[in-house]
Amino acid sequence: MARAILTIAIVAFVAYCFVDVSRTDRNEVRNLPKLAWVVVTLVFPVVGGVAWLMAGRPKGQPGRGGQTRGPLGPDDDPDFLRGI
């Protein structure tokens, strides 16, 4: 049972990395060409996926950890507070 869960986790991780590489614009990919990242993530499943997340993924895009969150409520919004 543990082996099946580990296999499912690895397949899900590889699928996530493959989709992430595929959806990333080729001009924003770092360190290798986009096609090379696709090959690396598929040929070396776990190592390639970790390498993509650490060295190939663009920095500072929405949903990628580099962007700061916006105001959560009206009292955190500077424009709202200026209007009071």
PDB file of N, CA and C in Angstrom:
ATOM      1  N   MET A   1       0.813  -1.193   0.000  1.00  0.00           N
ATOM      2  CA  MET A   1       0.000   0.000   0.000  1.00  0.00           C
ATOM      3  C   MET A   1       0.860   1.263   0.000  1.00  0.00           C
ATOM      4  N   ALA A   2       1.931   1.269   0.802  1.00  0.00           N
ATOM      5  CA  ALA A   2       2.810   2.439   0.864  1.00  0.00           C
ATOM      6  C   ALA A   2       3.508   2.655  -0.475  1.00  0.00           C
ATOM      7  N   ARG A   3       3.845   1.573  -1.146  1.00  0.00           N
ATOM      8  CA  ARG A   3       4.501   1.682  -2.447  1.00  0.00           C
ATOM      9  C   ARG A   3       3.555   2.315  -3.474  1.00  0.00           C
ATOM     10  N   ALA A   4       2.284   1.976  -3.410  1.00  0.00           N
ATOM     11  CA  ALA A   4       1.297   2.554  -4.330  1.00  0.00           C
ATOM     12  C   ALA A   4       1.126   4.052  -4.075  1.00  0.00           C
ATOM     13  N   ILE A   5       1.092   4.437  -2.811  1.00  0.00           N
ATOM     14  CA  ILE A   5       0.952   5.853  -2.470  1.00  0.00           C
ATOM     15  C   ILE A   5       2.182   6.639  -2.933  1.00  0.00           C
ATOM     16  N   LEU A   6       3.367   6.071  -2.734  1.00  0.00           N
ATOM     17  CA  LEU A   6       4.599   6.719  -3.182  1.00  0.00           C
ATOM     18  C   LEU A   6       4.613   6.860  -4.706  1.00  0.00           C
ATOM     19  N   THR A   7       4.189   5.830  -5.410  1.00  0.00           N
ATOM     20  CA  THR A   7       4.128   5.881  -6.877  1.00  0.00           C
ATOM     21  C   THR A   7       3.153   6.946  -7.351  1.00  0.00           C
ATOM     22  N   ILE A   8       1.999   7.029  -6.727  1.00  0.00           N
ATOM     23  CA  ILE A   8       1.002   8.038  -7.088  1.00  0.00           C
ATOM     24  C   ILE A   8       1.551   9.443  -6.809  1.00  0.00           C
ATOM     25  N   ALA A   9       2.245   9.616  -5.694  1.00  0.00           N
ATOM     26  CA  ALA A   9       2.814  10.922  -5.363  1.00  0.00           C
ATOM     27  C   ALA A   9       3.874  11.333  -6.383  1.00  0.00           C
ATOM     28  N   ILE A  10       4.709  10.397  -6.801  1.00  0.00           N
ATOM     29  CA  ILE A  10       5.743  10.709  -7.787  1.00  0.00           C
ATOM     30  C   ILE A  10       5.121  11.055  -9.134  1.00  0.00           C
ATOM     31  N   VAL A  11       4.129  10.289  -9.554  1.00  0.00           N
ATOM     32  CA  VAL A  11       3.456  10.570 -10.830  1.00  0.00           C
ATOM     33  C   VAL A  11       2.767  11.939 -10.774  1.00  0.00           C
ATOM     34  N   ALA A  12       2.142  12.256  -9.663  1.00  0.00           N
ATOM     35  CA  ALA A  12       1.479  13.561  -9.527  1.00  0.00           C
ATOM     36  C   ALA A  12       2.500  14.695  -9.559  1.00  0.00           C
ATOM     37  N   PHE A  13       3.632  14.507  -8.916  1.00  0.00           N
ATOM     38  CA  PHE A  13       4.687  15.526  -8.906  1.00  0.00           C
ATOM     39  C   PHE A  13       5.247  15.752 -10.303  1.00  0.00           C
ATOM     40  N   VAL A  14       5.511  14.667 -11.025  1.00  0.00           N
ATOM     41  CA  VAL A  14       6.028  14.777 -12.391  1.00  0.00           C
ATOM     42  C   VAL A  14       4.993  15.446 -13.290  1.00  0.00           C
ATOM     43  N   ALA A  15       3.741  15.085 -13.143  1.00  0.00           N
ATOM     44  CA  ALA A  15       2.680  15.698 -13.951  1.00  0.00           C
ATOM     45  C   ALA A  15       2.578  17.191 -13.657  1.00  0.00           C
ATOM     46  N   TYR A  16       2.650  17.570 -12.388  1.00  0.00           N
ATOM     47  CA  TYR A  16       2.604  18.982 -12.019  1.00  0.00           C
ATOM     48  C   TYR A  16       3.765  19.746 -12.657  1.00  0.00           C
ATOM     49  N   CYS A  17       4.969  19.204 -12.543  1.00  0.00           N
ATOM     50  CA  CYS A  17       6.142  19.874 -13.108  1.00  0.00           C
ATOM     51  C   CYS A  17       6.057  19.955 -14.628  1.00  0.00           C
ATOM     52  N   PHE A  18       5.592  18.888 -15.266  1.00  0.00           N
ATOM     53  CA  PHE A  18       5.455  18.896 -16.724  1.00  0.00           C
ATOM     54  C   PHE A  18       4.460  19.964 -17.168  1.00  0.00           C
ATOM     55  N   VAL A  19       3.320  20.041 -16.515  1.00  0.00           N
ATOM     56  CA  VAL A  19       2.318  21.047 -16.869  1.00  0.00           C
ATOM     57  C   VAL A  19       2.851  22.452 -16.590  1.00  0.00           C
ATOM     58  N   ASP A  20       3.560  22.617 -15.490  1.00  0.00           N
ATOM     59  CA  ASP A  20       4.123  23.919 -15.150  1.00  0.00           C
ATOM     60  C   ASP A  20       5.140  24.365 -16.198  1.00  0.00           C
ATOM     61  N   VAL A  21       6.010  23.455 -16.625  1.00  0.00           N
ATOM     62  CA  VAL A  21       6.975  23.782 -17.678  1.00  0.00           C
ATOM     63  C   VAL A  21       6.230  24.118 -18.969  1.00  0.00           C
ATOM     64  N   SER A  22       5.247  23.327 -19.304  1.00  0.00           N
ATOM     65  CA  SER A  22       4.518  23.520 -20.558  1.00  0.00           C
ATOM     66  C   SER A  22       3.784  24.853 -20.604  1.00  0.00           C
ATOM     67  N   ARG A  23       3.255  25.295 -19.488  1.00  0.00           N
ATOM     68  CA  ARG A  23       2.476  26.532 -19.452  1.00  0.00           C
ATOM     69  C   ARG A  23       3.334  27.778 -19.305  1.00  0.00           C
ATOM     70  N   THR A  24       4.596  27.624 -18.955  1.00  0.00           N
ATOM     71  CA  THR A  24       5.479  28.765 -18.774  1.00  0.00           C
ATOM     72  C   THR A  24       5.938  29.282 -20.137  1.00  0.00           C
ATOM     73  N   ASP A  25       5.940  30.600 -20.281  1.00  0.00           N
ATOM     74  CA  ASP A  25       6.385  31.225 -21.522  1.00  0.00           C
ATOM     75  C   ASP A  25       7.872  30.945 -21.741  1.00  0.00           C
ATOM     76  N   ARG A  26       8.239  30.633 -22.976  1.00  0.00           N
ATOM     77  CA  ARG A  26       9.628  30.254 -23.252  1.00  0.00           C
ATOM     78  C   ARG A  26      10.613  31.375 -22.952  1.00  0.00           C
ATOM     79  N   ASN A  27      10.185  32.619 -22.980  1.00  0.00           N
ATOM     80  CA  ASN A  27      11.084  33.740 -22.691  1.00  0.00           C
ATOM     81  C   ASN A  27      11.326  33.925 -21.193  1.00  0.00           C
ATOM     82  N   GLU A  28      10.534  33.282 -20.355  1.00  0.00           N
ATOM     83  CA  GLU A  28      10.662  33.444 -18.911  1.00  0.00           C
ATOM     84  C   GLU A  28      11.360  32.275 -18.223  1.00  0.00           C
ATOM     85  N   VAL A  29      11.618  31.203 -18.956  1.00  0.00           N
ATOM     86  CA  VAL A  29      12.275  30.027 -18.379  1.00  0.00           C
ATOM     87  C   VAL A  29      13.737  30.363 -18.124  1.00  0.00           C
ATOM     88  N   ARG A  30      14.251  29.933 -16.975  1.00  0.00           N
ATOM     89  CA  ARG A  30      15.634  30.239 -16.600  1.00  0.00           C
ATOM     90  C   ARG A  30      16.555  29.040 -16.827  1.00  0.00           C
ATOM     91  N   ASN A  31      17.806  29.325 -17.110  1.00  0.00           N
ATOM     92  CA  ASN A  31      18.944  28.405 -17.140  1.00  0.00           C
ATOM     93  C   ASN A  31      18.990  27.410 -18.291  1.00  0.00           C
ATOM     94  N   LEU A  32      17.901  26.914 -18.794  1.00  0.00           N
ATOM     95  CA  LEU A  32      17.884  25.995 -19.929  1.00  0.00           C
ATOM     96  C   LEU A  32      16.732  26.380 -20.852  1.00  0.00           C
ATOM     97  N   PRO A  33      16.802  25.967 -22.112  1.00  0.00           N
ATOM     98  CA  PRO A  33      15.637  26.181 -22.982  1.00  0.00           C
ATOM     99  C   PRO A  33      14.430  25.376 -22.489  1.00  0.00           C
ATOM    100  N   LYS A  34      13.262  25.812 -22.874  1.00  0.00           N
ATOM    101  CA  LYS A  34      12.028  25.178 -22.408  1.00  0.00           C
ATOM    102  C   LYS A  34      11.979  23.699 -22.781  1.00  0.00           C
ATOM    103  N   LEU A  35      12.356  23.364 -24.005  1.00  0.00           N
ATOM    104  CA  LEU A  35      12.343  21.966 -24.444  1.00  0.00           C
ATOM    105  C   LEU A  35      13.271  21.112 -23.588  1.00  0.00           C
ATOM    106  N   ALA A  36      14.408  21.660 -23.215  1.00  0.00           N
ATOM    107  CA  ALA A  36      15.337  20.922 -22.347  1.00  0.00           C
ATOM    108  C   ALA A  36      14.711  20.653 -20.987  1.00  0.00           C
ATOM    109  N   TRP A  37      13.976  21.625 -20.447  1.00  0.00           N
ATOM    110  CA  TRP A  37      13.306  21.408 -19.156  1.00  0.00           C
ATOM    111  C   TRP A  37      12.225  20.341 -19.263  1.00  0.00           C
ATOM    112  N   VAL A  38      11.518  20.300 -20.379  1.00  0.00           N
ATOM    113  CA  VAL A  38      10.506  19.260 -20.577  1.00  0.00           C
ATOM    114  C   VAL A  38      11.175  17.892 -20.551  1.00  0.00           C
ATOM    115  N   VAL A  39      12.276  17.756 -21.272  1.00  0.00           N
ATOM    116  CA  VAL A  39      12.992  16.474 -21.326  1.00  0.00           C
ATOM    117  C   VAL A  39      13.536  16.107 -19.953  1.00  0.00           C
ATOM    118  N   VAL A  40      14.133  17.074 -19.256  1.00  0.00           N
ATOM    119  CA  VAL A  40      14.708  16.797 -17.932  1.00  0.00           C
ATOM    120  C   VAL A  40      13.629  16.347 -16.957  1.00  0.00           C
ATOM    121  N   THR A  41      12.475  17.001 -16.961  1.00  0.00           N
ATOM    122  CA  THR A  41      11.428  16.622 -16.013  1.00  0.00           C
ATOM    123  C   THR A  41      10.829  15.253 -16.324  1.00  0.00           C
ATOM    124  N   LEU A  42      10.837  14.846 -17.588  1.00  0.00           N
ATOM    125  CA  LEU A  42      10.279  13.538 -17.937  1.00  0.00           C
ATOM    126  C   LEU A  42      11.298  12.408 -17.814  1.00  0.00           C
ATOM    127  N   VAL A  43      12.561  12.670 -18.141  1.00  0.00           N
ATOM    128  CA  VAL A  43      13.580  11.618 -18.109  1.00  0.00           C
ATOM    129  C   VAL A  43      14.070  11.363 -16.684  1.00  0.00           C
ATOM    130  N   PHE A  44      14.211  12.412 -15.903  1.00  0.00           N
ATOM    131  CA  PHE A  44      14.648  12.293 -14.507  1.00  0.00           C
ATOM    132  C   PHE A  44      13.505  12.767 -13.613  1.00  0.00           C
ATOM    133  N   PRO A  45      12.522  11.908 -13.348  1.00  0.00           N
ATOM    134  CA  PRO A  45      11.276  12.348 -12.724  1.00  0.00           C
ATOM    135  C   PRO A  45      11.410  13.198 -11.462  1.00  0.00           C
ATOM    136  N   VAL A  46      12.001  12.699 -10.426  1.00  0.00           N
ATOM    137  CA  VAL A  46      12.032  13.452  -9.169  1.00  0.00           C
ATOM    138  C   VAL A  46      13.119  14.522  -9.217  1.00  0.00           C
ATOM    139  N   VAL A  47      14.302  14.161  -9.638  1.00  0.00           N
ATOM    140  CA  VAL A  47      15.422  15.106  -9.685  1.00  0.00           C
ATOM    141  C   VAL A  47      15.133  16.225 -10.687  1.00  0.00           C
ATOM    142  N   GLY A  48      14.590  15.880 -11.839  1.00  0.00           N
ATOM    143  CA  GLY A  48      14.255  16.883 -12.843  1.00  0.00           C
ATOM    144  C   GLY A  48      13.182  17.842 -12.368  1.00  0.00           C
ATOM    145  N   GLY A  49      12.186  17.317 -11.663  1.00  0.00           N
ATOM    146  CA  GLY A  49      11.131  18.174 -11.132  1.00  0.00           C
ATOM    147  C   GLY A  49      11.643  19.136 -10.078  1.00  0.00           C
ATOM    148  N   VAL A  50      12.483  18.638  -9.197  1.00  0.00           N
ATOM    149  CA  VAL A  50      13.069  19.506  -8.169  1.00  0.00           C
ATOM    150  C   VAL A  50      13.972  20.549  -8.821  1.00  0.00           C
ATOM    151  N   ALA A  51      14.748  20.129  -9.819  1.00  0.00           N
ATOM    152  CA  ALA A  51      15.615  21.082 -10.535  1.00  0.00           C
ATOM    153  C   ALA A  51      14.779  22.168 -11.208  1.00  0.00           C
ATOM    154  N   TRP A  52      13.660  21.779 -11.822  1.00  0.00           N
ATOM    155  CA  TRP A  52      12.787  22.775 -12.452  1.00  0.00           C
ATOM    156  C   TRP A  52      12.268  23.772 -11.426  1.00  0.00           C
ATOM    157  N   LEU A  53      11.793  23.285 -10.297  1.00  0.00           N
ATOM    158  CA  LEU A  53      11.223  24.168  -9.287  1.00  0.00           C
ATOM    159  C   LEU A  53      12.261  25.113  -8.699  1.00  0.00           C
ATOM    160  N   MET A  54      13.504  24.658  -8.598  1.00  0.00           N
ATOM    161  CA  MET A  54      14.533  25.480  -7.976  1.00  0.00           C
ATOM    162  C   MET A  54      15.304  26.341  -8.970  1.00  0.00           C
ATOM    163  N   ALA A  55      15.537  25.846 -10.181  1.00  0.00           N
ATOM    164  CA  ALA A  55      16.445  26.545 -11.094  1.00  0.00           C
ATOM    165  C   ALA A  55      15.811  26.996 -12.396  1.00  0.00           C
ATOM    166  N   GLY A  56      14.663  26.468 -12.774  1.00  0.00           N
ATOM    167  CA  GLY A  56      14.122  26.802 -14.072  1.00  0.00           C
ATOM    168  C   GLY A  56      12.891  27.675 -14.055  1.00  0.00           C
ATOM    169  N   ARG A  57      12.160  27.606 -12.986  1.00  0.00           N
ATOM    170  CA  ARG A  57      10.899  28.332 -12.875  1.00  0.00           C
ATOM    171  C   ARG A  57      11.139  29.835 -12.800  1.00  0.00           C
ATOM    172  N   PRO A  58      10.297  30.625 -13.482  1.00  0.00           N
ATOM    173  CA  PRO A  58      10.452  32.080 -13.408  1.00  0.00           C
ATOM    174  C   PRO A  58      10.189  32.593 -11.998  1.00  0.00           C
ATOM    175  N   LYS A  59      10.863  33.667 -11.649  1.00  0.00           N
ATOM    176  CA  LYS A  59      10.654  34.272 -10.336  1.00  0.00           C
ATOM    177  C   LYS A  59       9.710  35.451 -10.459  1.00  0.00           C
ATOM    178  N   GLY A  60       8.910  35.670  -9.436  1.00  0.00           N
ATOM    179  CA  GLY A  60       8.092  36.862  -9.352  1.00  0.00           C
ATOM    180  C   GLY A  60       6.817  36.850 -10.163  1.00  0.00           C
ATOM    181  N   GLN A  61       6.308  35.689 -10.555  1.00  0.00           N
ATOM    182  CA  GLN A  61       5.045  35.639 -11.276  1.00  0.00           C
ATOM    183  C   GLN A  61       3.917  35.345 -10.304  1.00  0.00           C
ATOM    184  N   PRO A  62       2.693  35.752 -10.659  1.00  0.00           N
ATOM    185  CA  PRO A  62       1.568  35.475  -9.764  1.00  0.00           C
ATOM    186  C   PRO A  62       1.432  33.986  -9.491  1.00  0.00           C
ATOM    187  N   GLY A  63       1.230  33.658  -8.228  1.00  0.00           N
ATOM    188  CA  GLY A  63       1.046  32.266  -7.851  1.00  0.00           C
ATOM    189  C   GLY A  63       2.341  31.487  -7.788  1.00  0.00           C
ATOM    190  N   ARG A  64       3.463  32.153  -7.898  1.00  0.00           N
ATOM    191  CA  ARG A  64       4.745  31.460  -7.908  1.00  0.00           C
ATOM    192  C   ARG A  64       5.598  31.846  -6.709  1.00  0.00           C
ATOM    193  N   GLY A  65       5.003  32.419  -5.713  1.00  0.00           N
ATOM    194  CA  GLY A  65       5.736  32.706  -4.492  1.00  0.00           C
ATOM    195  C   GLY A  65       6.490  34.026  -4.497  1.00  0.00           C
ATOM    196  N   GLY A  66       6.693  34.652  -5.618  1.00  0.00           N
ATOM    197  CA  GLY A  66       7.454  35.876  -5.670  1.00  0.00           C
ATOM    198  C   GLY A  66       6.612  37.125  -5.542  1.00  0.00           C
ATOM    199  N   GLN A  67       5.328  36.998  -5.674  1.00  0.00           N
ATOM    200  CA  GLN A  67       4.442  38.150  -5.633  1.00  0.00           C
ATOM    201  C   GLN A  67       3.867  38.302  -4.237  1.00  0.00           C
ATOM    202  N   THR A  68       3.818  39.544  -3.765  1.00  0.00           N
ATOM    203  CA  THR A  68       3.220  39.782  -2.457  1.00  0.00           C
ATOM    204  C   THR A  68       1.706  39.807  -2.591  1.00  0.00           C
ATOM    205  N   ARG A  69       1.046  39.463  -1.536  1.00  0.00           N
ATOM    206  CA  ARG A  69      -0.415  39.446  -1.550  1.00  0.00           C
ATOM    207  C   ARG A  69      -0.957  40.851  -1.451  1.00  0.00           C
ATOM    208  N   GLY A  70      -2.107  41.063  -2.035  1.00  0.00           N
ATOM    209  CA  GLY A  70      -2.779  42.353  -1.976  1.00  0.00           C
ATOM    210  C   GLY A  70      -3.523  42.501  -0.667  1.00  0.00           C
ATOM    211  N   PRO A  71      -4.235  43.609  -0.510  1.00  0.00           N
ATOM    212  CA  PRO A  71      -5.006  43.827   0.711  1.00  0.00           C
ATOM    213  C   PRO A  71      -6.048  42.727   0.913  1.00  0.00           C
ATOM    214  N   LEU A  72      -6.242  42.334   2.149  1.00  0.00           N
ATOM    215  CA  LEU A  72      -7.198  41.281   2.454  1.00  0.00           C
ATOM    216  C   LEU A  72      -8.598  41.818   2.708  1.00  0.00           C
ATOM    217  N   GLY A  73      -8.697  42.993   3.258  1.00  0.00           N
ATOM    218  CA  GLY A  73     -10.001  43.574   3.567  1.00  0.00           C
ATOM    219  C   GLY A  73      -9.961  45.066   3.330  1.00  0.00           C
ATOM    220  N   PRO A  74     -11.120  45.733   3.431  1.00  0.00           N
ATOM    221  CA  PRO A  74     -11.138  47.167   3.166  1.00  0.00           C
ATOM    222  C   PRO A  74     -10.269  47.968   4.128  1.00  0.00           C
ATOM    223  N   ASP A  75     -10.119  47.503   5.357  1.00  0.00           N
ATOM    224  CA  ASP A  75      -9.299  48.243   6.308  1.00  0.00           C
ATOM    225  C   ASP A  75      -7.799  48.074   6.028  1.00  0.00           C
ATOM    226  N   ASP A  76      -7.428  47.136   5.151  1.00  0.00           N
ATOM    227  CA  ASP A  76      -6.039  46.954   4.756  1.00  0.00           C
ATOM    228  C   ASP A  76      -5.729  47.629   3.420  1.00  0.00           C
ATOM    229  N   ASP A  77      -6.734  48.175   2.774  1.00  0.00           N
ATOM    230  CA  ASP A  77      -6.570  48.794   1.468  1.00  0.00           C
ATOM    231  C   ASP A  77      -6.242  50.276   1.643  1.00  0.00           C
ATOM    232  N   PRO A  78      -5.048  50.731   1.206  1.00  0.00           N
ATOM    233  CA  PRO A  78      -4.671  52.137   1.398  1.00  0.00           C
ATOM    234  C   PRO A  78      -5.628  53.094   0.683  1.00  0.00           C
ATOM    235  N   ASP A  79      -6.137  52.743  -0.474  1.00  0.00           N
ATOM    236  CA  ASP A  79      -7.076  53.629  -1.180  1.00  0.00           C
ATOM    237  C   ASP A  79      -8.364  53.815  -0.390  1.00  0.00           C
ATOM    238  N   PHE A  80      -8.857  52.749   0.196  1.00  0.00           N
ATOM    239  CA  PHE A  80     -10.062  52.831   1.017  1.00  0.00           C
ATOM    240  C   PHE A  80      -9.815  53.709   2.232  1.00  0.00           C
ATOM    241  N   LEU A  81      -8.681  53.544   2.877  1.00  0.00           N
ATOM    242  CA  LEU A  81      -8.384  54.306   4.085  1.00  0.00           C
ATOM    243  C   LEU A  81      -8.209  55.795   3.793  1.00  0.00           C
ATOM    244  N   ARG A  82      -7.676  56.130   2.595  1.00  0.00           N
ATOM    245  CA  ARG A  82      -7.537  57.533   2.226  1.00  0.00           C
ATOM    246  C   ARG A  82      -8.889  58.205   2.049  1.00  0.00           C
ATOM    247  N   GLY A  83      -9.901  57.416   1.644  1.00  0.00           N
ATOM    248  CA  GLY A  83     -11.233  57.968   1.398  1.00  0.00           C
ATOM    249  C   GLY A  83     -12.068  58.149   2.645  1.00  0.00           C
ATOM    250  N   ILE A  84     -11.576  57.712   3.762  1.00  0.00           N
ATOM    251  CA  ILE A  84     -12.363  57.811   5.014  1.00  0.00           C
ATOM    252  C   ILE A  84     -12.275  59.215   5.568  1.00  0.00           C
TER     253      ILE A  84
END
